[in-house]
Amino acid sequence: MRFIINDRSVEADVDVRTSLLDLLRDHLGLTGTKKGCNQGACGACTVLVDGERINSCLTLAIQYQDRAITTIEGLGAMGALHPLQAAFIEHDGFQCGYCTPGQICSSIAMVAEFRRGLPSVLTDDLTLEEIGFSESEIRERMSGNLCRCGAYNGIIEAIRSTFAQEDAGEKEAAA
């Protein structure tokens, strides 16, 4: 099978029943993505496929051949962290760090969903052109990612600060 993982083409000879999570961790050595509950309930295994967040423990690797898969290892590097990774450090968005890769991948896709105007359960008026990026909205949209340490306040602040800065930069560039 052929995969595109973190912008690199990768071939792997694995059983068709292999989950995407097991392919990443056990066969390709990309251990940043974590196996938490292995039932899709905790979000520790969240990765991006074509920019969309998925629980890699619930999906078969074969389903994602020739699709762009991004793991935490593909977002930044030592000395060149993704802005959200740096914000997690700055705002204490992690304690043990186990859920952090899934939280970060999920956050990136969540903000993209938000920017496309996709509503959440908290969106009262579906005719609004712009939904408020409130703490409640972020918490709802990130509810599929659990943190056993309870670092939620730092996680929310890291998300808000990162994407508020990006939005400000985009508005400044447009002006």
N, C-alpha and C. Protein backbone atom coordinates (compact mmCIF):
# COMPACT_ATOMS: atom_id res chain seq x y z
N MET A 1 0.84 -1.18 0.00
CA MET A 1 0.00 0.00 0.00
C MET A 1 0.89 1.25 0.00
N ARG A 2 0.39 2.29 -0.64
CA ARG A 2 1.14 3.55 -0.73
C ARG A 2 0.37 4.64 0.00
N PHE A 3 1.10 5.38 0.83
CA PHE A 3 0.51 6.46 1.62
C PHE A 3 1.32 7.73 1.44
N ILE A 4 0.68 8.86 1.67
CA ILE A 4 1.39 10.14 1.69
C ILE A 4 1.28 10.65 3.12
N ILE A 5 2.37 10.51 3.85
CA ILE A 5 2.37 10.85 5.27
C ILE A 5 3.38 11.96 5.51
N ASN A 6 2.88 13.06 6.05
CA ASN A 6 3.72 14.22 6.34
C ASN A 6 4.51 14.66 5.10
N ASP A 7 3.79 14.71 3.98
CA ASP A 7 4.32 15.15 2.69
C ASP A 7 5.37 14.22 2.09
N ARG A 8 5.43 12.99 2.58
CA ARG A 8 6.37 12.01 2.03
C ARG A 8 5.59 10.78 1.56
N SER A 9 5.97 10.24 0.43
CA SER A 9 5.37 9.01 -0.07
C SER A 9 5.98 7.84 0.69
N VAL A 10 5.12 6.96 1.21
CA VAL A 10 5.56 5.83 2.02
C VAL A 10 4.85 4.58 1.52
N GLU A 11 5.60 3.50 1.38
CA GLU A 11 4.99 2.22 1.03
C GLU A 11 5.08 1.31 2.23
N ALA A 12 4.01 0.55 2.45
CA ALA A 12 3.99 -0.38 3.58
C ALA A 12 3.25 -1.64 3.17
N ASP A 13 3.80 -2.76 3.54
CA ASP A 13 3.17 -4.05 3.27
C ASP A 13 2.56 -4.51 4.59
N VAL A 14 1.28 -4.18 4.77
CA VAL A 14 0.60 -4.52 6.02
C VAL A 14 -0.71 -5.23 5.71
N ASP A 15 -1.19 -5.95 6.69
CA ASP A 15 -2.47 -6.64 6.60
C ASP A 15 -3.57 -5.61 6.35
N VAL A 16 -4.55 -5.94 5.53
CA VAL A 16 -5.62 -5.01 5.21
C VAL A 16 -6.47 -4.66 6.42
N ARG A 17 -6.34 -5.41 7.50
CA ARG A 17 -7.09 -5.13 8.74
C ARG A 17 -6.34 -4.20 9.69
N THR A 18 -5.20 -3.69 9.29
CA THR A 18 -4.39 -2.81 10.13
C THR A 18 -5.02 -1.44 10.22
N SER A 19 -5.16 -0.95 11.44
CA SER A 19 -5.72 0.40 11.62
C SER A 19 -4.68 1.42 11.18
N LEU A 20 -5.16 2.60 10.86
CA LEU A 20 -4.24 3.68 10.51
C LEU A 20 -3.32 3.99 11.69
N LEU A 21 -3.85 3.96 12.90
CA LEU A 21 -3.03 4.20 14.09
C LEU A 21 -1.90 3.18 14.20
N ASP A 22 -2.21 1.90 14.02
CA ASP A 22 -1.18 0.87 14.11
C ASP A 22 -0.16 0.98 12.98
N LEU A 23 -0.62 1.37 11.80
CA LEU A 23 0.32 1.60 10.69
C LEU A 23 1.32 2.68 11.09
N LEU A 24 0.80 3.79 11.58
CA LEU A 24 1.67 4.92 11.94
C LEU A 24 2.66 4.54 13.04
N ARG A 25 2.15 3.98 14.12
CA ARG A 25 2.98 3.70 15.29
C ARG A 25 3.86 2.46 15.13
N ASP A 26 3.23 1.34 14.77
CA ASP A 26 3.94 0.05 14.81
C ASP A 26 4.74 -0.25 13.55
N HIS A 27 4.29 0.26 12.42
CA HIS A 27 4.96 -0.08 11.17
C HIS A 27 5.85 1.04 10.63
N LEU A 28 5.52 2.30 10.97
CA LEU A 28 6.28 3.42 10.43
C LEU A 28 7.07 4.18 11.50
N GLY A 29 6.88 3.82 12.76
CA GLY A 29 7.65 4.44 13.84
C GLY A 29 7.26 5.87 14.16
N LEU A 30 6.08 6.29 13.74
CA LEU A 30 5.58 7.64 14.04
C LEU A 30 4.77 7.56 15.34
N THR A 31 5.47 7.64 16.45
CA THR A 31 4.85 7.37 17.75
C THR A 31 4.26 8.62 18.41
N GLY A 32 4.23 9.74 17.74
CA GLY A 32 3.61 10.94 18.30
C GLY A 32 2.12 10.76 18.47
N THR A 33 1.48 10.08 17.53
CA THR A 33 0.06 9.79 17.63
C THR A 33 -0.12 8.70 18.67
N LYS A 34 -0.98 8.94 19.64
CA LYS A 34 -1.10 8.03 20.78
C LYS A 34 -2.31 7.11 20.69
N LYS A 35 -2.15 5.94 21.28
CA LYS A 35 -3.26 4.99 21.43
C LYS A 35 -3.80 5.18 22.83
N GLY A 36 -4.97 5.78 22.94
CA GLY A 36 -5.59 6.00 24.23
C GLY A 36 -6.60 4.91 24.52
N CYS A 37 -7.84 5.17 24.19
CA CYS A 37 -8.92 4.22 24.49
C CYS A 37 -9.05 3.14 23.42
N ASN A 38 -8.55 3.41 22.22
CA ASN A 38 -8.67 2.51 21.07
C ASN A 38 -10.14 2.23 20.71
N GLN A 39 -11.01 3.18 21.07
CA GLN A 39 -12.43 3.07 20.77
C GLN A 39 -13.00 4.36 20.18
N GLY A 40 -12.16 5.33 19.88
CA GLY A 40 -12.63 6.58 19.28
C GLY A 40 -13.25 7.56 20.25
N ALA A 41 -13.08 7.35 21.54
CA ALA A 41 -13.74 8.21 22.52
C ALA A 41 -12.84 9.28 23.12
N CYS A 42 -11.52 9.14 23.01
CA CYS A 42 -10.64 10.08 23.72
C CYS A 42 -9.93 11.09 22.83
N GLY A 43 -9.74 10.79 21.55
CA GLY A 43 -9.11 11.72 20.63
C GLY A 43 -7.60 11.73 20.64
N ALA A 44 -6.96 10.89 21.47
CA ALA A 44 -5.49 10.88 21.51
C ALA A 44 -4.88 10.47 20.18
N CYS A 45 -5.62 9.75 19.37
CA CYS A 45 -5.12 9.24 18.09
C CYS A 45 -5.47 10.16 16.91
N THR A 46 -5.95 11.36 17.17
CA THR A 46 -6.39 12.24 16.09
C THR A 46 -5.24 12.62 15.16
N VAL A 47 -5.48 12.44 13.87
CA VAL A 47 -4.56 12.89 12.82
C VAL A 47 -5.39 13.63 11.78
N LEU A 48 -4.72 14.25 10.85
CA LEU A 48 -5.40 14.97 9.77
C LEU A 48 -5.29 14.16 8.48
N VAL A 49 -6.40 14.03 7.78
CA VAL A 49 -6.42 13.41 6.46
C VAL A 49 -7.05 14.41 5.52
N ASP A 50 -6.27 14.88 4.56
CA ASP A 50 -6.71 15.94 3.65
C ASP A 50 -7.23 17.14 4.44
N GLY A 51 -6.61 17.42 5.58
CA GLY A 51 -6.96 18.56 6.41
C GLY A 51 -8.11 18.33 7.38
N GLU A 52 -8.76 17.18 7.30
CA GLU A 52 -9.88 16.85 8.19
C GLU A 52 -9.38 15.98 9.33
N ARG A 53 -9.92 16.19 10.52
CA ARG A 53 -9.51 15.38 11.67
C ARG A 53 -10.26 14.06 11.70
N ILE A 54 -9.51 13.01 12.00
CA ILE A 54 -10.11 11.69 12.14
C ILE A 54 -9.48 10.98 13.33
N ASN A 55 -10.20 10.01 13.88
CA ASN A 55 -9.66 9.13 14.91
C ASN A 55 -8.99 7.97 14.19
N SER A 56 -7.68 7.93 14.22
CA SER A 56 -6.95 6.92 13.46
C SER A 56 -7.12 5.52 14.02
N CYS A 57 -7.57 5.39 15.27
CA CYS A 57 -7.78 4.05 15.84
C CYS A 57 -9.01 3.37 15.26
N LEU A 58 -9.93 4.14 14.71
CA LEU A 58 -11.18 3.58 14.19
C LEU A 58 -11.18 3.34 12.69
N THR A 59 -10.09 3.66 12.03
CA THR A 59 -10.07 3.58 10.57
C THR A 59 -9.02 2.58 10.11
N LEU A 60 -9.30 1.93 9.02
CA LEU A 60 -8.33 1.02 8.43
C LEU A 60 -7.37 1.82 7.56
N ALA A 61 -6.11 1.48 7.65
CA ALA A 61 -5.09 2.18 6.87
C ALA A 61 -5.41 2.14 5.38
N ILE A 62 -5.90 1.01 4.91
CA ILE A 62 -6.17 0.83 3.48
C ILE A 62 -7.13 1.89 2.94
N GLN A 63 -7.99 2.43 3.79
CA GLN A 63 -8.95 3.46 3.37
C GLN A 63 -8.27 4.77 2.97
N TYR A 64 -7.04 4.96 3.41
CA TYR A 64 -6.38 6.25 3.23
C TYR A 64 -5.15 6.19 2.33
N GLN A 65 -5.13 5.20 1.46
CA GLN A 65 -4.06 5.13 0.48
C GLN A 65 -4.10 6.37 -0.40
N ASP A 66 -2.94 6.90 -0.72
CA ASP A 66 -2.78 8.04 -1.63
C ASP A 66 -3.50 9.30 -1.17
N ARG A 67 -3.77 9.42 0.12
CA ARG A 67 -4.38 10.63 0.67
C ARG A 67 -3.35 11.30 1.57
N ALA A 68 -3.47 12.60 1.73
CA ALA A 68 -2.51 13.37 2.53
C ALA A 68 -2.81 13.19 4.02
N ILE A 69 -1.97 12.44 4.70
CA ILE A 69 -2.10 12.19 6.13
C ILE A 69 -1.05 13.03 6.85
N THR A 70 -1.49 13.79 7.84
CA THR A 70 -0.56 14.60 8.63
C THR A 70 -0.66 14.18 10.08
N THR A 71 0.49 13.86 10.66
CA THR A 71 0.58 13.53 12.08
C THR A 71 1.26 14.70 12.78
N ILE A 72 1.36 14.61 14.09
CA ILE A 72 2.03 15.67 14.85
C ILE A 72 3.47 15.86 14.36
N GLU A 73 4.11 14.79 13.91
CA GLU A 73 5.49 14.90 13.41
C GLU A 73 5.58 15.75 12.15
N GLY A 74 4.48 15.89 11.43
CA GLY A 74 4.47 16.66 10.19
C GLY A 74 4.12 18.12 10.36
N LEU A 75 3.83 18.54 11.58
CA LEU A 75 3.40 19.93 11.79
C LEU A 75 4.55 20.89 12.08
N GLY A 76 5.58 20.43 12.69
CA GLY A 76 6.69 21.30 13.02
C GLY A 76 7.92 20.47 13.29
N ALA A 77 8.99 21.13 13.64
CA ALA A 77 10.25 20.43 13.93
C ALA A 77 10.94 21.15 15.08
N MET A 78 11.92 20.51 15.66
CA MET A 78 12.68 21.15 16.73
C MET A 78 13.27 22.45 16.20
N GLY A 79 13.07 23.51 16.93
CA GLY A 79 13.56 24.81 16.50
C GLY A 79 12.64 25.52 15.53
N ALA A 80 11.64 24.81 15.01
CA ALA A 80 10.69 25.40 14.07
C ALA A 80 9.31 24.82 14.35
N LEU A 81 8.84 25.03 15.56
CA LEU A 81 7.54 24.50 15.96
C LEU A 81 6.41 25.17 15.20
N HIS A 82 5.33 24.44 15.01
CA HIS A 82 4.10 25.03 14.50
C HIS A 82 3.66 26.05 15.55
N PRO A 83 3.07 27.17 15.15
CA PRO A 83 2.65 28.18 16.13
C PRO A 83 1.77 27.63 17.25
N LEU A 84 0.93 26.65 16.95
CA LEU A 84 0.08 26.08 17.98
C LEU A 84 0.90 25.25 18.97
N GLN A 85 1.92 24.55 18.49
CA GLN A 85 2.80 23.81 19.39
C GLN A 85 3.49 24.77 20.36
N ALA A 86 3.97 25.88 19.84
CA ALA A 86 4.63 26.88 20.69
C ALA A 86 3.63 27.46 21.70
N ALA A 87 2.40 27.68 21.28
CA ALA A 87 1.37 28.23 22.17
C ALA A 87 1.01 27.24 23.27
N PHE A 88 1.00 25.95 22.97
CA PHE A 88 0.75 24.94 24.01
C PHE A 88 1.81 25.03 25.09
N ILE A 89 3.05 25.26 24.70
CA ILE A 89 4.13 25.40 25.67
C ILE A 89 3.93 26.69 26.47
N GLU A 90 3.70 27.78 25.77
CA GLU A 90 3.55 29.09 26.42
C GLU A 90 2.39 29.14 27.40
N HIS A 91 1.28 28.49 27.07
CA HIS A 91 0.06 28.59 27.88
C HIS A 91 -0.18 27.35 28.75
N ASP A 92 0.83 26.50 28.91
CA ASP A 92 0.68 25.27 29.69
C ASP A 92 -0.51 24.46 29.21
N GLY A 93 -0.57 24.25 27.91
CA GLY A 93 -1.67 23.49 27.32
C GLY A 93 -1.48 21.99 27.41
N PHE A 94 -0.48 21.57 28.16
CA PHE A 94 -0.29 20.14 28.38
C PHE A 94 0.34 19.95 29.75
N GLN A 95 0.13 18.76 30.29
CA GLN A 95 0.82 18.41 31.53
C GLN A 95 1.63 17.15 31.26
N CYS A 96 0.96 16.03 31.13
CA CYS A 96 1.72 14.80 30.84
C CYS A 96 2.08 14.74 29.35
N GLY A 97 1.32 15.41 28.50
CA GLY A 97 1.59 15.46 27.07
C GLY A 97 1.01 14.34 26.25
N TYR A 98 0.35 13.38 26.90
CA TYR A 98 -0.16 12.22 26.16
C TYR A 98 -1.22 12.62 25.13
N CYS A 99 -2.13 13.48 25.51
CA CYS A 99 -3.21 13.87 24.60
C CYS A 99 -2.81 14.99 23.65
N THR A 100 -1.68 15.63 23.93
CA THR A 100 -1.28 16.85 23.21
C THR A 100 -1.23 16.69 21.69
N PRO A 101 -0.61 15.64 21.14
CA PRO A 101 -0.60 15.52 19.67
C PRO A 101 -2.00 15.50 19.08
N GLY A 102 -2.90 14.75 19.68
CA GLY A 102 -4.28 14.70 19.19
C GLY A 102 -4.99 16.02 19.36
N GLN A 103 -4.74 16.69 20.49
CA GLN A 103 -5.34 18.00 20.74
C GLN A 103 -4.89 18.99 19.67
N ILE A 104 -3.62 18.99 19.35
CA ILE A 104 -3.08 19.95 18.38
C ILE A 104 -3.62 19.66 16.98
N CYS A 105 -3.59 18.40 16.56
CA CYS A 105 -4.14 18.07 15.23
C CYS A 105 -5.61 18.42 15.16
N SER A 106 -6.35 18.09 16.20
CA SER A 106 -7.78 18.39 16.22
C SER A 106 -8.03 19.90 16.17
N SER A 107 -7.23 20.66 16.90
CA SER A 107 -7.37 22.13 16.93
C SER A 107 -7.20 22.74 15.56
N ILE A 108 -6.20 22.27 14.84
CA ILE A 108 -5.93 22.81 13.51
C ILE A 108 -7.12 22.57 12.58
N ALA A 109 -7.66 21.36 12.60
CA ALA A 109 -8.82 21.06 11.75
C ALA A 109 -10.07 21.78 12.24
N MET A 110 -10.21 21.90 13.56
CA MET A 110 -11.37 22.57 14.14
C MET A 110 -11.43 24.03 13.69
N VAL A 111 -10.30 24.69 13.70
CA VAL A 111 -10.27 26.09 13.28
C VAL A 111 -10.60 26.20 11.79
N ALA A 112 -10.12 25.27 11.00
CA ALA A 112 -10.45 25.28 9.57
C ALA A 112 -11.95 25.10 9.36
N GLU A 113 -12.57 24.20 10.15
CA GLU A 113 -14.01 24.01 10.08
C GLU A 113 -14.74 25.31 10.46
N PHE A 114 -14.27 25.92 11.51
CA PHE A 114 -14.85 27.17 12.00
C PHE A 114 -14.77 28.26 10.93
N ARG A 115 -13.60 28.38 10.31
CA ARG A 115 -13.40 29.41 9.28
C ARG A 115 -14.25 29.17 8.04
N ARG A 116 -14.59 27.90 7.78
CA ARG A 116 -15.48 27.60 6.65
C ARG A 116 -16.94 27.86 7.01
N GLY A 117 -17.19 28.25 8.25
CA GLY A 117 -18.55 28.57 8.67
C GLY A 117 -19.38 27.38 9.07
N LEU A 118 -18.73 26.25 9.34
CA LEU A 118 -19.49 25.07 9.76
C LEU A 118 -20.03 25.30 11.17
N PRO A 119 -21.30 25.06 11.37
CA PRO A 119 -21.89 25.30 12.69
C PRO A 119 -21.56 24.20 13.69
N SER A 120 -21.74 24.50 14.96
CA SER A 120 -21.64 23.50 16.01
C SER A 120 -23.00 23.42 16.68
N VAL A 121 -23.10 22.60 17.69
CA VAL A 121 -24.36 22.48 18.42
C VAL A 121 -24.69 23.80 19.13
N LEU A 122 -23.71 24.63 19.36
CA LEU A 122 -23.92 25.92 20.03
C LEU A 122 -24.35 27.03 19.08
N THR A 123 -24.30 26.79 17.78
CA THR A 123 -24.65 27.81 16.81
C THR A 123 -26.17 27.96 16.77
N ASP A 124 -26.66 29.06 17.36
CA ASP A 124 -28.10 29.29 17.43
C ASP A 124 -28.68 29.74 16.10
N ASP A 125 -27.99 30.63 15.42
CA ASP A 125 -28.51 31.22 14.19
C ASP A 125 -27.67 30.75 13.00
N LEU A 126 -28.21 29.84 12.23
CA LEU A 126 -27.48 29.28 11.10
C LEU A 126 -27.38 30.24 9.91
N THR A 127 -28.05 31.39 10.00
CA THR A 127 -27.98 32.36 8.91
C THR A 127 -26.83 33.35 9.10
N LEU A 128 -26.19 33.31 10.27
CA LEU A 128 -25.08 34.23 10.51
C LEU A 128 -23.93 33.94 9.55
N GLU A 129 -23.32 34.98 9.06
CA GLU A 129 -22.17 34.79 8.18
C GLU A 129 -20.91 34.50 8.98
N GLU A 130 -20.86 34.97 10.21
CA GLU A 130 -19.68 34.76 11.04
C GLU A 130 -20.11 34.29 12.43
N ILE A 131 -19.54 33.18 12.86
CA ILE A 131 -19.83 32.62 14.18
C ILE A 131 -18.75 33.12 15.13
N GLY A 132 -19.13 33.49 16.33
CA GLY A 132 -18.15 33.96 17.31
C GLY A 132 -17.22 32.86 17.76
N PHE A 133 -15.94 33.17 17.84
CA PHE A 133 -14.91 32.21 18.25
C PHE A 133 -14.74 32.29 19.77
N SER A 134 -15.79 31.94 20.48
CA SER A 134 -15.82 32.06 21.94
C SER A 134 -15.20 30.84 22.60
N GLU A 135 -14.95 30.98 23.90
CA GLU A 135 -14.43 29.86 24.68
C GLU A 135 -15.41 28.69 24.64
N SER A 136 -16.69 28.98 24.77
CA SER A 136 -17.72 27.92 24.73
C SER A 136 -17.72 27.20 23.38
N GLU A 137 -17.58 27.97 22.32
CA GLU A 137 -17.56 27.39 20.97
C GLU A 137 -16.34 26.48 20.81
N ILE A 138 -15.18 26.92 21.27
CA ILE A 138 -13.97 26.10 21.18
C ILE A 138 -14.13 24.83 22.00
N ARG A 139 -14.61 24.97 23.23
CA ARG A 139 -14.79 23.79 24.09
C ARG A 139 -15.73 22.77 23.45
N GLU A 140 -16.81 23.24 22.86
CA GLU A 140 -17.75 22.33 22.21
C GLU A 140 -17.09 21.61 21.04
N ARG A 141 -16.40 22.37 20.21
CA ARG A 141 -15.78 21.80 19.02
C ARG A 141 -14.61 20.87 19.35
N MET A 142 -14.02 21.04 20.51
CA MET A 142 -12.90 20.19 20.93
C MET A 142 -13.33 19.08 21.88
N SER A 143 -14.63 18.91 22.07
CA SER A 143 -15.13 17.96 23.07
C SER A 143 -14.78 16.51 22.78
N GLY A 144 -14.36 16.18 21.59
CA GLY A 144 -13.94 14.82 21.27
C GLY A 144 -12.53 14.50 21.67
N ASN A 145 -11.83 15.48 22.24
CA ASN A 145 -10.45 15.28 22.69
C ASN A 145 -10.39 15.47 24.19
N LEU A 146 -10.09 14.39 24.90
CA LEU A 146 -10.06 14.42 26.35
C LEU A 146 -8.64 14.61 26.88
N CYS A 147 -8.55 15.26 28.02
CA CYS A 147 -7.28 15.46 28.72
C CYS A 147 -7.47 14.99 30.15
N ARG A 148 -6.82 13.90 30.51
CA ARG A 148 -6.97 13.36 31.85
C ARG A 148 -6.34 14.27 32.91
N CYS A 149 -5.37 15.07 32.51
CA CYS A 149 -4.70 15.96 33.47
C CYS A 149 -5.52 17.21 33.74
N GLY A 150 -6.47 17.52 32.88
CA GLY A 150 -7.31 18.70 33.08
C GLY A 150 -6.66 20.00 32.65
N ALA A 151 -5.85 19.96 31.60
CA ALA A 151 -5.17 21.16 31.12
C ALA A 151 -6.04 21.96 30.15
N TYR A 152 -7.34 21.83 30.27
CA TYR A 152 -8.26 22.45 29.31
C TYR A 152 -8.10 23.96 29.21
N ASN A 153 -7.93 24.65 30.31
CA ASN A 153 -7.81 26.11 30.24
C ASN A 153 -6.59 26.52 29.41
N GLY A 154 -5.47 25.84 29.59
CA GLY A 154 -4.28 26.13 28.79
C GLY A 154 -4.47 25.78 27.33
N ILE A 155 -5.18 24.68 27.07
CA ILE A 155 -5.45 24.27 25.69
C ILE A 155 -6.30 25.31 24.99
N ILE A 156 -7.36 25.75 25.65
CA ILE A 156 -8.25 26.75 25.06
C ILE A 156 -7.49 28.05 24.81
N GLU A 157 -6.69 28.47 25.77
CA GLU A 157 -5.94 29.72 25.61
C GLU A 157 -4.91 29.60 24.49
N ALA A 158 -4.28 28.45 24.35
CA ALA A 158 -3.32 28.24 23.26
C ALA A 158 -4.02 28.35 21.91
N ILE A 159 -5.19 27.74 21.80
CA ILE A 159 -5.95 27.79 20.54
C ILE A 159 -6.36 29.23 20.25
N ARG A 160 -6.94 29.89 21.24
CA ARG A 160 -7.41 31.27 21.03
C ARG A 160 -6.27 32.20 20.64
N SER A 161 -5.17 32.12 21.36
CA SER A 161 -4.07 33.05 21.09
C SER A 161 -3.45 32.79 19.73
N THR A 162 -3.27 31.54 19.36
CA THR A 162 -2.66 31.20 18.06
C THR A 162 -3.51 31.69 16.91
N PHE A 163 -4.79 31.37 16.95
CA PHE A 163 -5.62 31.68 15.80
C PHE A 163 -6.11 33.11 15.79
N ALA A 164 -6.12 33.77 16.94
CA ALA A 164 -6.40 35.21 16.96
C ALA A 164 -5.24 35.95 16.29
N GLN A 165 -4.00 35.50 16.57
CA GLN A 165 -2.83 36.12 15.94
C GLN A 165 -2.83 35.88 14.44
N GLU A 166 -3.18 34.67 14.01
CA GLU A 166 -3.23 34.38 12.58
C GLU A 166 -4.29 35.22 11.89
N ASP A 167 -5.47 35.31 12.50
CA ASP A 167 -6.55 36.12 11.92
C ASP A 167 -6.14 37.58 11.82
N ALA A 168 -5.47 38.10 12.85
CA ALA A 168 -5.01 39.49 12.83
C ALA A 168 -4.00 39.71 11.70
N GLY A 169 -3.11 38.74 11.53
CA GLY A 169 -2.12 38.82 10.45
C GLY A 169 -2.75 38.79 9.08
N GLU A 170 -3.78 37.94 8.90
CA GLU A 170 -4.47 37.86 7.62
C GLU A 170 -5.22 39.15 7.32
N LYS A 171 -5.87 39.75 8.33
CA LYS A 171 -6.61 41.00 8.13
C LYS A 171 -5.64 42.14 7.81
N GLU A 172 -4.49 42.13 8.47
CA GLU A 172 -3.47 43.17 8.22
C GLU A 172 -2.92 43.05 6.79
N ALA A 173 -2.69 41.83 6.34
CA ALA A 173 -2.17 41.60 5.00
C ALA A 173 -3.19 42.01 3.94
N ALA A 174 -4.47 41.82 4.24
CA ALA A 174 -5.52 42.16 3.28
C ALA A 174 -5.72 43.66 3.17
N ALA A 175 -5.35 44.40 4.20
CA ALA A 175 -5.58 45.85 4.22
C ALA A 175 -4.59 46.61 3.42
